[in-house]
Amino acid sequence: MATFAGAASTAAESAGTPNATVNLSPALPPNITLRYTDNSAAGNDEIIMRPAWCFRPPR
C-alpha cells in the first residue's frame, strides 16, 4: 500500500481566492475520492488536510 501524502505532495493557495491546489504523490486510485476540510485561519497560508476516504465501486 502506498503512503498517503508523501514527501512529493504539495498544497498551494491561489492568492486572493478561496481556492487551493493539492497534488498528491502518489496519486489516489481512480475509485477513491479524497474529501477534506480547510482548517486554516484567515491570513494563514497553511492548509491542513484531514482525509476522509470515500470508496466508489468501479463502473
N, C-alpha and C. Protein backbone atom coordinates (compact mmCIF):
# COMPACT_ATOMS: atom_id res chain seq x y z
N MET A 1 0.85 -1.17 0.00
CA MET A 1 0.00 0.00 0.00
C MET A 1 0.89 1.24 0.00
N ALA A 2 0.54 2.20 -0.80
CA ALA A 2 1.33 3.43 -0.92
C ALA A 2 1.08 4.33 0.29
N THR A 3 2.07 5.09 0.64
CA THR A 3 1.93 6.05 1.73
C THR A 3 1.10 7.23 1.25
N PHE A 4 0.13 7.65 2.06
CA PHE A 4 -0.71 8.79 1.69
C PHE A 4 0.08 10.08 1.87
N ALA A 5 -0.06 10.96 0.92
CA ALA A 5 0.54 12.30 1.00
C ALA A 5 2.01 12.22 1.34
N GLY A 6 2.77 11.65 0.45
CA GLY A 6 4.21 11.51 0.64
C GLY A 6 4.94 12.83 0.49
N ALA A 7 6.25 12.76 0.57
CA ALA A 7 7.09 13.95 0.55
C ALA A 7 6.92 14.78 -0.71
N ALA A 8 6.52 14.15 -1.82
CA ALA A 8 6.37 14.88 -3.08
C ALA A 8 5.00 15.57 -3.19
N SER A 9 4.12 15.41 -2.21
CA SER A 9 2.81 16.05 -2.24
C SER A 9 2.95 17.54 -2.00
N THR A 10 2.07 18.32 -2.63
CA THR A 10 2.11 19.76 -2.45
C THR A 10 0.70 20.31 -2.26
N ALA A 11 0.59 21.45 -1.61
CA ALA A 11 -0.67 22.17 -1.49
C ALA A 11 -0.36 23.65 -1.57
N ALA A 12 -1.15 24.38 -2.35
CA ALA A 12 -0.89 25.81 -2.51
C ALA A 12 -2.21 26.55 -2.66
N GLU A 13 -2.34 27.66 -1.96
CA GLU A 13 -3.49 28.53 -2.09
C GLU A 13 -3.33 29.43 -3.30
N SER A 14 -4.44 29.73 -3.96
CA SER A 14 -4.42 30.72 -5.04
C SER A 14 -4.61 32.09 -4.39
N ALA A 15 -3.64 32.96 -4.54
CA ALA A 15 -3.65 34.27 -3.87
C ALA A 15 -4.94 35.03 -4.15
N GLY A 16 -5.55 35.53 -3.09
CA GLY A 16 -6.75 36.35 -3.23
C GLY A 16 -8.02 35.58 -3.50
N THR A 17 -7.97 34.25 -3.45
CA THR A 17 -9.16 33.43 -3.70
C THR A 17 -9.27 32.37 -2.60
N PRO A 18 -10.44 31.74 -2.48
CA PRO A 18 -10.59 30.65 -1.52
C PRO A 18 -10.13 29.31 -2.09
N ASN A 19 -9.51 29.33 -3.26
CA ASN A 19 -9.15 28.09 -3.94
C ASN A 19 -7.77 27.58 -3.53
N ALA A 20 -7.63 26.29 -3.53
CA ALA A 20 -6.34 25.67 -3.25
C ALA A 20 -6.12 24.55 -4.24
N THR A 21 -4.87 24.34 -4.61
CA THR A 21 -4.50 23.23 -5.49
C THR A 21 -3.71 22.23 -4.66
N VAL A 22 -4.13 20.98 -4.73
CA VAL A 22 -3.47 19.92 -3.97
C VAL A 22 -3.03 18.84 -4.94
N ASN A 23 -1.76 18.52 -4.90
CA ASN A 23 -1.21 17.45 -5.73
C ASN A 23 -0.68 16.36 -4.82
N LEU A 24 -1.31 15.19 -4.87
CA LEU A 24 -0.90 14.09 -4.01
C LEU A 24 0.07 13.19 -4.74
N SER A 25 1.07 12.75 -4.03
CA SER A 25 2.04 11.82 -4.59
C SER A 25 2.29 10.74 -3.55
N PRO A 26 1.92 9.51 -3.81
CA PRO A 26 1.35 9.02 -5.06
C PRO A 26 -0.10 9.47 -5.24
N ALA A 27 -0.56 9.49 -6.47
CA ALA A 27 -1.93 9.89 -6.77
C ALA A 27 -2.90 8.85 -6.22
N LEU A 28 -4.13 9.30 -5.92
CA LEU A 28 -5.14 8.37 -5.46
C LEU A 28 -5.61 7.48 -6.60
N PRO A 29 -5.94 6.22 -6.31
CA PRO A 29 -6.53 5.37 -7.35
C PRO A 29 -7.84 5.98 -7.83
N PRO A 30 -8.28 5.68 -9.05
CA PRO A 30 -9.46 6.33 -9.61
C PRO A 30 -10.76 6.04 -8.87
N ASN A 31 -10.82 5.00 -8.05
CA ASN A 31 -12.07 4.69 -7.35
C ASN A 31 -12.10 5.24 -5.93
N ILE A 32 -11.18 6.16 -5.60
CA ILE A 32 -11.14 6.75 -4.27
C ILE A 32 -11.25 8.26 -4.39
N THR A 33 -12.12 8.86 -3.58
CA THR A 33 -12.28 10.31 -3.54
C THR A 33 -11.75 10.81 -2.21
N LEU A 34 -10.96 11.86 -2.24
CA LEU A 34 -10.46 12.48 -1.01
C LEU A 34 -11.32 13.68 -0.69
N ARG A 35 -11.92 13.68 0.49
CA ARG A 35 -12.70 14.83 0.94
C ARG A 35 -11.92 15.48 2.07
N TYR A 36 -11.91 16.81 2.11
CA TYR A 36 -11.10 17.48 3.12
C TYR A 36 -11.78 18.75 3.59
N THR A 37 -11.33 19.23 4.73
CA THR A 37 -11.78 20.50 5.28
C THR A 37 -10.57 21.41 5.41
N ASP A 38 -10.73 22.63 4.95
CA ASP A 38 -9.66 23.62 5.09
C ASP A 38 -9.78 24.22 6.50
N ASN A 39 -8.85 23.86 7.37
CA ASN A 39 -8.89 24.33 8.75
C ASN A 39 -7.96 25.52 8.99
N SER A 40 -7.52 26.16 7.92
CA SER A 40 -6.59 27.28 8.10
C SER A 40 -7.33 28.53 8.55
N ALA A 41 -6.67 29.34 9.33
CA ALA A 41 -7.24 30.60 9.80
C ALA A 41 -7.06 31.66 8.72
N ALA A 42 -7.87 32.69 8.77
CA ALA A 42 -7.75 33.79 7.81
C ALA A 42 -6.34 34.38 7.90
N GLY A 43 -5.72 34.58 6.76
CA GLY A 43 -4.39 35.14 6.72
C GLY A 43 -3.28 34.12 6.94
N ASN A 44 -3.66 32.87 7.13
CA ASN A 44 -2.68 31.80 7.34
C ASN A 44 -2.58 31.00 6.06
N ASP A 45 -1.38 30.83 5.54
CA ASP A 45 -1.19 30.12 4.28
C ASP A 45 -1.20 28.61 4.43
N GLU A 46 -1.26 28.12 5.67
CA GLU A 46 -1.21 26.68 5.88
C GLU A 46 -2.57 26.04 5.62
N ILE A 47 -2.58 24.98 4.86
CA ILE A 47 -3.79 24.20 4.61
C ILE A 47 -3.62 22.87 5.32
N ILE A 48 -4.52 22.57 6.24
CA ILE A 48 -4.43 21.33 7.00
C ILE A 48 -5.39 20.31 6.39
N MET A 49 -4.85 19.21 5.92
CA MET A 49 -5.67 18.19 5.29
C MET A 49 -6.06 17.14 6.33
N ARG A 50 -7.34 16.85 6.40
CA ARG A 50 -7.84 15.78 7.26
C ARG A 50 -8.65 14.85 6.37
N PRO A 51 -8.00 13.83 5.84
CA PRO A 51 -8.67 12.99 4.84
C PRO A 51 -9.78 12.13 5.42
N ALA A 52 -10.82 11.96 4.64
CA ALA A 52 -11.89 11.01 4.92
C ALA A 52 -12.12 10.25 3.62
N TRP A 53 -11.88 8.98 3.64
CA TRP A 53 -11.94 8.20 2.40
C TRP A 53 -13.37 7.86 2.02
N CYS A 54 -13.66 7.96 0.75
CA CYS A 54 -14.96 7.59 0.21
C CYS A 54 -14.70 6.63 -0.94
N PHE A 55 -15.07 5.38 -0.77
CA PHE A 55 -14.81 4.39 -1.81
C PHE A 55 -15.99 4.31 -2.77
N ARG A 56 -15.70 4.41 -4.05
CA ARG A 56 -16.72 4.30 -5.09
C ARG A 56 -16.52 2.99 -5.82
N PRO A 57 -17.57 2.22 -6.01
CA PRO A 57 -17.40 0.97 -6.77
C PRO A 57 -17.07 1.28 -8.23
N PRO A 58 -16.24 0.46 -8.86
CA PRO A 58 -15.92 0.66 -10.28
C PRO A 58 -17.18 0.56 -11.13
N ARG A 59 -17.24 1.32 -12.20
CA ARG A 59 -18.42 1.28 -13.09
C ARG A 59 -18.10 0.52 -14.35
